C-alpha cells in the first residue's frame, strides 16, 4: 500500500481488525469535520473489500453510514478457508491465516461478517454476487443477505443481486459494465435521498 510494508503487515493475519477500525475512523473523521453525516455517507467494497464492508456492517455501522454496497464480498471466511478444494483457499492463508490453527480460527471468527451478524440496526445494503465467480462463490453473498434479513431490527433494505452470467470481475461486456455501475450508483443515490 501507499503507507508501506509496515502498514500492510499491521493489517493482516492476527492484526486484520486494524483495517476495519481504520476504515470506521475515516468515516468518523468525515463526519466530525463536517464533510458529511451518517445519513449521507455511503461505502463500497468488492471481494476482500466486500469483506471490509461486511465486517464494518456488524460494528454499529448506522453510526457511520446509511448505504453500503458489497460486490462479490468474501464474507463466509471460516467455511471458505476450511475448504481446500476451492480455488485460492491455500494461498489466502498468507493473508488471513489457516483456520485449522485454533488461534487463527478464533480470530477470523471474531470478525467474519457472516458469523457476526446479530440483532441490531443495519444500513441499506446492496450485496452483489456472480453465479460464475471462481473466487467468491455465489452462496457467500446469498448466505449473508439471508442472515441480515433474518436478524436486522430495522426497516432498511437488504438487497441481493446475483448476476447469472458474471464472474468475479462482473461482466466483460462494456455496456453491461456501465449498466451494472449505474445500478449500484442508483441504489446509493436513492437511499441518500438524491433524486436529481
Protein backbone atom coordinates (compact mmCIF):
# COMPACT_ATOMS: atom_id res chain seq x y z
CA UNK A 1 0.00 0.00 0.00
CA UNK A 2 0.91 3.64 -0.17
CA UNK A 3 1.93 3.65 3.50
CA UNK A 4 4.50 0.90 3.01
CA UNK A 5 5.14 -2.66 4.09
CA UNK A 6 4.90 -1.95 7.83
CA UNK A 7 1.35 -0.64 7.43
CA UNK A 8 0.40 -3.65 5.29
CA UNK A 9 1.81 -6.14 7.82
CA UNK A 10 -0.24 -4.46 10.56
CA UNK A 11 -3.46 -5.13 8.65
CA UNK A 12 -3.27 -8.89 8.06
CA UNK A 13 -3.32 -12.18 9.92
CA UNK A 14 -3.78 -11.56 13.67
CA UNK A 15 -3.90 -7.79 13.09
CA UNK A 16 -6.65 -7.83 10.44
CA UNK A 17 -9.12 -5.96 12.65
CA UNK A 18 -6.91 -2.87 12.34
CA UNK A 19 -8.25 -2.44 8.80
CA UNK A 20 -11.87 -2.32 9.99
CA UNK A 21 -11.08 0.13 12.77
CA UNK A 22 -9.07 2.33 10.38
CA UNK A 23 -11.98 2.35 7.94
CA UNK A 24 -14.50 3.40 10.57
CA UNK A 25 -12.06 6.03 11.86
CA UNK A 26 -12.01 7.50 8.34
CA UNK A 27 -15.83 7.51 8.24
CA UNK A 28 -15.90 9.22 11.63
CA UNK A 29 -13.31 11.79 10.53
CA UNK A 30 -15.54 12.82 7.61
CA UNK A 31 -18.48 13.22 10.00
CA UNK A 32 -16.51 15.04 12.71
CA UNK A 33 -15.09 17.51 10.19
CA UNK A 34 -18.50 18.25 8.66
CA UNK A 35 -17.80 16.77 5.24
CA UNK A 36 -20.92 14.64 5.66
CA UNK A 37 -23.09 12.94 8.24
CA UNK A 38 -24.01 9.29 8.72
CA UNK A 39 -27.31 9.67 6.83
CA UNK A 40 -25.46 11.00 3.74
CA UNK A 41 -22.46 8.68 3.76
CA UNK A 42 -22.16 5.56 1.59
CA UNK A 43 -19.46 2.89 1.48
CA UNK A 44 -18.42 0.41 -1.20
CA UNK A 45 -16.13 -2.60 -1.36
CA UNK A 46 -15.55 -5.56 -3.65
CA UNK A 47 -14.09 -9.00 -2.98
CA UNK A 48 -11.76 -8.58 0.02
CA UNK A 49 -13.08 -5.00 0.13
CA UNK A 50 -16.50 -6.62 0.43
CA UNK A 51 -15.16 -8.42 3.49
CA UNK A 52 -14.27 -5.00 4.88
CA UNK A 53 -17.81 -3.74 4.24
CA UNK A 54 -19.32 -6.93 5.67
CA UNK A 55 -17.26 -6.65 8.83
CA UNK A 56 -17.99 -2.98 9.49
CA UNK A 57 -21.70 -3.63 8.93
CA UNK A 58 -21.58 -5.58 12.21
CA UNK A 59 -19.74 -2.83 14.10
CA UNK A 60 -22.51 -0.30 14.70
CA UNK A 61 -22.43 0.81 11.09
CA UNK A 62 -25.53 3.00 11.19
CA UNK A 63 -23.48 5.43 13.30
CA UNK A 64 -21.16 5.89 10.30
CA UNK A 65 -23.10 5.39 7.06
CA UNK A 66 -26.57 4.89 5.61
CA UNK A 67 -25.78 2.86 2.49
CA UNK A 68 -23.35 0.04 1.78
CA UNK A 69 -22.54 -1.82 -1.43
CA UNK A 70 -20.66 -5.11 -1.14
CA UNK A 71 -19.79 -6.55 -4.55
CA UNK A 72 -18.77 -10.23 -4.61
CA UNK A 73 -17.93 -9.98 -0.90
CA UNK A 74 -15.72 -12.58 0.78
CA UNK A 75 -17.96 -12.94 3.85
CA UNK A 76 -18.13 -16.59 4.94
CA UNK A 77 -14.46 -16.71 5.71
CA UNK A 78 -14.30 -19.74 8.00
CA UNK A 79 -16.20 -22.06 5.64
CA UNK A 80 -14.20 -20.92 2.62
CA UNK A 81 -10.77 -21.12 4.22
CA UNK A 82 -11.51 -24.60 5.58
CA UNK A 83 -12.39 -25.91 2.10
CA UNK A 84 -9.10 -26.64 0.35
CA UNK A 85 -10.94 -27.74 -2.82
CA UNK A 86 -11.90 -24.12 -3.55
CA UNK A 87 -9.58 -22.06 -5.76
CA UNK A 88 -7.26 -19.70 -3.89
CA UNK A 89 -8.01 -21.12 -0.41
CA UNK A 90 -4.48 -22.25 0.43
CA UNK A 91 -2.88 -19.11 -0.97
CA UNK A 92 -5.28 -16.96 1.08
CA UNK A 93 -3.86 -18.39 4.32
CA UNK A 94 -0.92 -15.98 3.96
CA UNK A 95 -3.32 -13.06 4.29
CA UNK A 96 -5.89 -14.35 6.78
CA UNK A 97 -4.28 -17.36 8.47
CA UNK A 98 -5.19 -21.05 8.39
CA UNK A 99 -8.34 -21.63 10.44
CA UNK A 100 -7.25 -25.21 11.16
CA UNK A 101 -5.00 -23.49 13.73
CA UNK A 102 -7.29 -22.61 16.66
CA UNK A 103 -5.61 -19.24 17.21
CA UNK A 104 -6.43 -18.19 13.64
CA UNK A 105 -9.86 -19.85 13.73
CA UNK A 106 -10.91 -17.86 16.79
CA UNK A 107 -9.52 -14.59 15.45
CA UNK A 108 -11.06 -14.97 11.98
CA UNK A 109 -14.40 -15.93 13.51
CA UNK A 110 -14.33 -12.77 15.64
CA UNK A 111 -14.57 -10.59 12.50
CA UNK A 112 -16.07 -12.90 9.87
CA UNK A 113 -19.07 -10.97 8.50
CA UNK A 114 -21.39 -13.97 8.26
CA UNK A 115 -20.52 -15.27 11.71
CA UNK A 116 -21.06 -11.90 13.41
CA UNK A 117 -24.44 -10.78 12.07
CA UNK A 118 -26.64 -10.03 15.08
CA UNK A 119 -29.95 -8.48 16.03
CA UNK A 120 -29.26 -4.77 15.52
CA UNK A 121 -29.93 -1.99 13.03
CA UNK A 122 -28.15 -2.20 9.69
CA UNK A 123 -27.93 0.39 6.91
CA UNK A 124 -29.41 -0.09 3.44
CA UNK A 125 -27.25 -2.77 1.79
CA UNK A 126 -26.79 -3.94 -1.78
CA UNK A 127 -24.96 -7.26 -1.99
CA UNK A 128 -23.87 -8.41 -5.44
CA UNK A 129 -22.81 -11.90 -6.49
CA UNK A 130 -21.69 -13.57 -9.70
CA UNK A 131 -23.02 -17.04 -10.39
CA UNK A 132 -19.79 -18.00 -12.21
CA UNK A 133 -17.41 -16.38 -9.72
CA UNK A 134 -14.48 -18.78 -9.07
CA UNK A 135 -13.08 -16.65 -6.22
CA UNK A 136 -16.12 -15.83 -4.09
CA UNK A 137 -18.81 -18.45 -4.55
CA UNK A 138 -22.29 -17.03 -5.06
CA UNK A 139 -23.57 -18.68 -1.89
CA UNK A 140 -21.41 -16.47 0.36
CA UNK A 141 -23.26 -13.24 -0.55
CA UNK A 142 -26.57 -15.15 -0.53
CA UNK A 143 -26.00 -16.51 2.97
CA UNK A 144 -25.03 -13.07 4.29
CA UNK A 145 -28.13 -11.49 2.75
CA UNK A 146 -30.42 -14.12 4.29
CA UNK A 147 -28.89 -13.77 7.74
CA UNK A 148 -29.03 -9.96 7.66
CA UNK A 149 -32.70 -10.08 6.65
CA UNK A 150 -33.47 -12.57 9.41
CA UNK A 151 -31.77 -10.72 12.27
CA UNK A 152 -31.87 -6.99 11.47
CA UNK A 153 -34.09 -4.86 13.69
CA UNK A 154 -34.92 -2.01 11.28
CA UNK A 155 -36.86 -1.38 8.08
CA UNK A 156 -33.84 -0.70 5.86
CA UNK A 157 -33.39 -2.54 2.58
CA UNK A 158 -31.12 -5.56 2.20
CA UNK A 159 -30.95 -6.45 -1.48
CA UNK A 160 -29.13 -9.35 -3.15
CA UNK A 161 -28.44 -9.09 -6.87
CA UNK A 162 -26.89 -12.18 -8.45
CA UNK A 163 -25.56 -11.79 -11.98
CA UNK A 164 -26.27 -15.05 -13.77
CA UNK A 165 -23.57 -14.60 -16.43
CA UNK A 166 -20.83 -12.85 -14.48
CA UNK A 167 -17.72 -13.91 -12.66
CA UNK A 168 -15.59 -12.19 -10.06
CA UNK A 169 -14.99 -9.01 -12.00
CA UNK A 170 -18.51 -8.66 -13.35
CA UNK A 171 -19.48 -8.64 -16.98
CA UNK A 172 -16.80 -8.38 -19.64
CA UNK A 173 -19.21 -6.55 -21.95
CA UNK A 174 -18.60 -2.80 -21.95
CA UNK A 175 -22.21 -1.65 -21.91
CA UNK A 176 -23.20 -4.28 -19.34
CA UNK A 177 -20.44 -3.00 -17.03
CA UNK A 178 -21.79 0.53 -17.39
CA UNK A 179 -25.32 -0.72 -16.66
CA UNK A 180 -24.06 -2.57 -13.56
CA UNK A 181 -22.25 0.52 -12.28
CA UNK A 182 -25.38 2.59 -12.92
CA UNK A 183 -27.42 0.14 -10.86
CA UNK A 184 -25.00 0.48 -7.93
CA UNK A 185 -24.97 4.28 -8.16
CA UNK A 186 -28.76 4.30 -8.42
CA UNK A 187 -29.05 2.24 -5.24
CA UNK A 188 -26.68 4.57 -3.40
CA UNK A 189 -28.26 7.80 -4.63
CA UNK A 190 -31.78 6.57 -3.90
CA UNK A 191 -31.03 5.82 -0.24
CA UNK A 192 -29.04 9.02 0.17
CA UNK A 193 -32.17 10.86 -0.96
CA UNK A 194 -30.54 12.34 -4.06
CA UNK A 195 -33.17 12.38 -6.79
CA UNK A 196 -31.60 14.75 -9.34
